[in-house]
Amino acid sequence: MFDRIAGVYDPLNALISGFQEPRWRRRLIDATELGPGRTALDVATGTGAVARDLARRVGPGGHVLGVDISAGMIDVARARVARATRAGASAIDFLLGDAMALPVDNGAFDAATIAFGMRNLPDYERGFAEMCRAVRPGGVVACLEIARPNSLVGRLGRLWFEGAVPRIGRLAGQGDAYGYLVASVRAYPAPAEIAVVMARAGLADIRWTPLTFGMVTLHTGRRPG
């Protein structure tokens, strides 16, 4: 499914998010606390938007690895980096791999991120545990995901999301994929439950921040040590 939607993924995400997705990404990048020369892992990297932002943050002296199980997404991500001319683009590599068994060494990165990918994993705790394993002691794990808003504006936004997203997907010829998107959001646990999952996965200093009236949540934790 993700191979099939790789070509339309970014423009549809922008539309579905009300063009808020770049702002959410900036908050995710800031949460990593990365500086020049550092290393980052982006899990479920998709078309590589977060990985490219991370590369700009760490600069040419740093390194970013994007991992995704979808070959179609990785192909798009690599092509976009190859066309990029901005500083830091050369600091990125992409690798086909499974978030349930990340193909990386223990403690290899200063931070690990996942954006709108955790709800697609078959085991959230294992996904967080693998990200925790991948970062050094004291390293940051940051997760950006669609949430269940409590505010009135957020709930109205959620109603729009659940009604409009399948229609937008059908217009793009990807109705089943965007129907799945709505179903996966409904099944994803509430932010407090995700914090408990992160703790069970071995993370400490867990915090979460609601964004855009609670429609999206940014969770962070650290590998103890």
Protein backbone atom coordinates (compact mmCIF):
# COMPACT_ATOMS: atom_id res chain seq x y z
CA MET A 1 0.00 0.00 0.00
CA PHE A 2 2.76 2.47 0.93
CA ASP A 3 4.70 1.61 -2.23
CA ARG A 4 1.59 2.52 -4.21
CA ILE A 5 0.96 5.90 -2.57
CA ALA A 6 4.59 7.05 -2.42
CA GLY A 7 4.20 9.45 -5.35
CA VAL A 8 1.20 11.30 -3.86
CA TYR A 9 2.09 10.95 -0.19
CA ASP A 10 3.57 14.41 0.45
CA PRO A 11 0.99 16.60 -1.33
CA LEU A 12 -1.90 14.67 0.20
CA ASN A 13 -0.32 14.92 3.66
CA ALA A 14 -0.04 18.68 3.25
CA LEU A 15 -3.69 18.95 2.27
CA ILE A 16 -4.95 16.60 4.99
CA SER A 17 -3.00 18.44 7.69
CA GLY A 18 -4.32 21.84 6.64
CA PHE A 19 -0.72 22.66 5.66
CA GLN A 20 0.35 22.35 9.31
CA GLU A 21 2.64 19.36 8.77
CA PRO A 22 5.87 21.39 8.23
CA ARG A 23 5.27 23.23 11.53
CA TRP A 24 4.73 19.92 13.34
CA ARG A 25 7.96 18.60 11.81
CA ARG A 26 9.89 21.61 13.12
CA ARG A 27 8.65 20.86 16.63
CA LEU A 28 9.79 17.25 16.23
CA ILE A 29 13.26 18.30 15.06
CA ASP A 30 13.58 20.80 17.94
CA ALA A 31 12.66 18.06 20.42
CA THR A 32 15.69 15.97 19.41
CA GLU A 33 18.02 18.65 20.85
CA LEU A 34 20.48 17.87 18.05
CA GLY A 35 23.25 20.20 16.99
CA PRO A 36 25.93 20.22 14.29
CA GLY A 37 27.91 17.03 13.92
CA ARG A 38 25.39 14.78 15.68
CA THR A 39 23.70 11.59 14.45
CA ALA A 40 20.01 10.77 14.03
CA LEU A 41 17.82 7.85 13.02
CA ASP A 42 14.43 8.45 11.38
CA VAL A 43 12.19 5.38 11.60
CA ALA A 44 9.34 4.87 9.09
CA THR A 45 11.03 7.67 7.17
CA GLY A 46 8.65 7.50 4.20
CA THR A 47 9.66 10.03 1.56
CA GLY A 48 12.39 11.38 3.85
CA ALA A 49 10.95 14.77 4.84
CA VAL A 50 11.95 14.42 8.50
CA ALA A 51 15.33 12.95 7.54
CA ARG A 52 16.07 15.95 5.33
CA ASP A 53 15.16 18.34 8.15
CA LEU A 54 17.38 16.40 10.54
CA ALA A 55 20.25 16.56 8.06
CA ARG A 56 19.97 20.32 7.87
CA ARG A 57 20.07 20.43 11.68
CA VAL A 58 23.18 18.26 12.08
CA GLY A 59 24.96 19.74 9.06
CA PRO A 60 27.56 18.14 6.77
CA GLY A 61 29.58 16.93 9.76
CA GLY A 62 26.65 14.90 11.09
CA HIS A 63 24.80 11.89 9.77
CA VAL A 64 21.16 10.85 9.40
CA LEU A 65 19.84 7.39 8.54
CA GLY A 66 16.25 6.95 7.34
CA VAL A 67 14.74 3.45 7.60
CA ASP A 68 11.48 2.29 6.04
CA ILE A 69 9.93 -1.06 5.14
CA SER A 70 8.48 0.33 1.89
CA ALA A 71 10.85 0.17 -1.08
CA GLY A 72 8.66 2.63 -2.98
CA MET A 73 8.98 5.23 -0.22
CA ILE A 74 12.74 4.72 0.03
CA ASP A 75 13.07 5.19 -3.76
CA VAL A 76 11.25 8.54 -3.55
CA ALA A 77 13.33 9.61 -0.54
CA ARG A 78 16.61 8.81 -2.29
CA ALA A 79 15.55 10.59 -5.48
CA ARG A 80 14.64 13.74 -3.57
CA VAL A 81 17.96 13.82 -1.74
CA ALA A 82 19.80 13.25 -5.01
CA ARG A 83 18.07 16.31 -6.48
CA ALA A 84 18.59 18.46 -3.39
CA THR A 85 21.25 21.13 -3.40
CA ARG A 86 20.80 22.44 0.14
CA ALA A 87 23.62 22.04 2.68
CA GLY A 88 23.36 18.85 4.68
CA ALA A 89 21.64 16.73 2.05
CA SER A 90 24.77 14.62 1.61
CA ALA A 91 24.60 13.66 5.32
CA ILE A 92 21.61 11.35 4.67
CA ASP A 93 21.49 7.65 3.89
CA PHE A 94 18.36 5.54 3.46
CA LEU A 95 17.98 1.86 4.23
CA LEU A 96 15.20 -0.64 3.64
CA GLY A 97 14.40 -2.15 7.02
CA ASP A 98 11.79 -3.19 9.59
CA ALA A 99 11.01 -0.97 12.60
CA MET A 100 10.43 -4.17 14.60
CA ALA A 101 14.10 -5.15 14.13
CA LEU A 102 16.03 -2.03 13.16
CA PRO A 103 19.18 -2.81 11.13
CA VAL A 104 21.39 -0.61 13.31
CA ASP A 105 23.90 -1.10 16.12
CA ASN A 106 23.02 -0.51 19.77
CA GLY A 107 23.55 3.09 20.88
CA ALA A 108 24.59 4.24 17.42
CA PHE A 109 22.61 7.53 17.37
CA ASP A 110 22.13 10.65 19.44
CA ALA A 111 18.40 10.74 18.67
CA ALA A 112 15.69 8.70 16.95
CA THR A 113 12.46 10.04 15.46
CA ILE A 114 9.26 8.65 14.02
CA ALA A 115 6.57 10.84 12.44
CA PHE A 116 3.10 9.48 11.70
CA GLY A 117 4.47 5.96 11.55
CA MET A 118 4.08 4.50 15.03
CA ARG A 119 0.37 3.73 14.55
CA ASN A 120 1.32 1.55 11.54
CA LEU A 121 3.52 -0.75 13.61
CA PRO A 122 2.11 -4.10 14.80
CA ASP A 123 3.64 -3.67 18.27
CA TYR A 124 4.07 -0.14 19.66
CA GLU A 125 6.14 -1.27 22.66
CA ARG A 126 8.59 -3.16 20.49
CA GLY A 127 8.82 -0.18 18.12
CA PHE A 128 9.75 2.15 20.97
CA ALA A 129 12.12 -0.45 22.45
CA GLU A 130 13.98 -0.68 19.15
CA MET A 131 14.29 3.11 18.96
CA CYS A 132 15.50 3.16 22.56
CA ARG A 133 18.10 0.52 21.72
CA ALA A 134 19.31 2.53 18.73
CA VAL A 135 20.18 5.69 20.71
CA ARG A 136 23.05 6.19 23.14
CA PRO A 137 22.40 6.48 26.89
CA GLY A 138 20.80 9.90 27.38
CA GLY A 139 19.71 10.00 23.73
CA VAL A 140 16.26 11.27 22.77
CA VAL A 141 13.42 9.28 21.22
CA ALA A 142 10.71 11.51 19.72
CA CYS A 143 7.36 10.43 18.26
CA LEU A 144 4.94 12.67 16.36
CA GLU A 145 1.51 11.16 15.80
CA ILE A 146 -2.12 12.02 15.15
CA ALA A 147 -4.01 12.02 18.45
CA ARG A 148 -7.47 12.08 20.01
CA PRO A 149 -8.16 15.75 20.78
CA ASN A 150 -10.11 16.81 23.86
CA SER A 151 -10.70 20.46 22.92
CA LEU A 152 -13.84 21.51 21.06
CA VAL A 153 -11.83 22.85 18.12
CA GLY A 154 -9.75 19.68 18.07
CA ARG A 155 -12.84 17.46 18.06
CA LEU A 156 -14.33 19.47 15.18
CA GLY A 157 -11.03 19.06 13.35
CA ARG A 158 -11.17 15.32 13.99
CA LEU A 159 -14.67 15.16 12.50
CA TRP A 160 -13.38 16.97 9.41
CA PHE A 161 -10.42 14.58 9.24
CA GLU A 162 -12.55 11.45 9.43
CA GLY A 163 -15.03 12.76 6.87
CA ALA A 164 -12.73 14.44 4.38
CA VAL A 165 -9.68 12.17 4.31
CA PRO A 166 -11.39 9.13 2.71
CA ARG A 167 -12.97 11.42 0.08
CA ILE A 168 -9.61 13.04 -0.70
CA GLY A 169 -8.07 9.58 -0.98
CA ARG A 170 -10.76 8.41 -3.38
CA LEU A 171 -10.26 11.51 -5.56
CA ALA A 172 -6.55 10.64 -5.71
CA GLY A 173 -7.37 7.05 -6.65
CA GLN A 174 -6.18 5.76 -3.25
CA GLY A 175 -9.42 5.32 -1.36
CA ASP A 176 -8.41 2.13 0.46
CA ALA A 177 -5.12 3.60 1.69
CA TYR A 178 -6.73 6.72 3.13
CA GLY A 179 -9.60 4.73 4.56
CA TYR A 180 -6.91 2.75 6.36
CA LEU A 181 -5.40 6.02 7.61
CA VAL A 182 -8.63 6.95 9.40
CA ALA A 183 -9.00 3.44 10.85
CA SER A 184 -5.41 3.42 12.13
CA VAL A 185 -5.89 6.78 13.85
CA ARG A 186 -9.04 5.52 15.58
CA ALA A 187 -7.16 2.46 16.86
CA TYR A 188 -4.13 4.39 18.17
CA PRO A 189 -4.01 4.77 21.98
CA ALA A 190 -4.51 8.07 23.78
CA PRO A 191 -1.37 10.10 24.65
CA ALA A 192 -1.28 8.99 28.31
CA GLU A 193 -1.43 5.35 27.22
CA ILE A 194 1.42 5.88 24.76
CA ALA A 195 3.51 7.32 27.60
CA VAL A 196 2.95 4.08 29.54
CA VAL A 197 3.98 2.04 26.49
CA MET A 198 7.16 4.13 26.17
CA ALA A 199 8.01 3.48 29.82
CA ARG A 200 7.51 -0.27 29.36
CA ALA A 201 9.85 -0.05 26.35
CA GLY A 202 12.62 1.23 28.59
CA LEU A 203 12.40 4.98 28.09
CA ALA A 204 12.59 7.55 30.89
CA ASP A 205 11.82 11.27 31.32
CA ILE A 206 8.71 10.84 29.16
CA ARG A 207 6.78 13.94 28.19
CA TRP A 208 4.12 14.81 25.66
CA THR A 209 2.91 18.02 24.08
CA PRO A 210 -0.41 18.48 22.23
CA LEU A 211 -0.17 20.47 18.99
CA THR A 212 -2.92 22.23 16.99
CA PHE A 213 -5.70 21.91 19.59
CA GLY A 214 -4.59 18.37 20.44
CA MET A 215 -5.00 16.93 16.95
CA VAL A 216 -1.35 15.85 17.00
CA THR A 217 0.84 14.84 19.93
CA LEU A 218 4.62 15.00 20.27
CA HIS A 219 6.02 12.43 22.74
CA THR A 220 9.63 12.43 23.89
CA GLY A 221 11.66 10.13 26.12
CA ARG A 222 15.29 9.33 26.84
CA ARG A 223 17.31 6.17 27.03
CA PRO A 224 18.41 5.92 30.67
CA GLY A 225 22.08 6.06 31.50
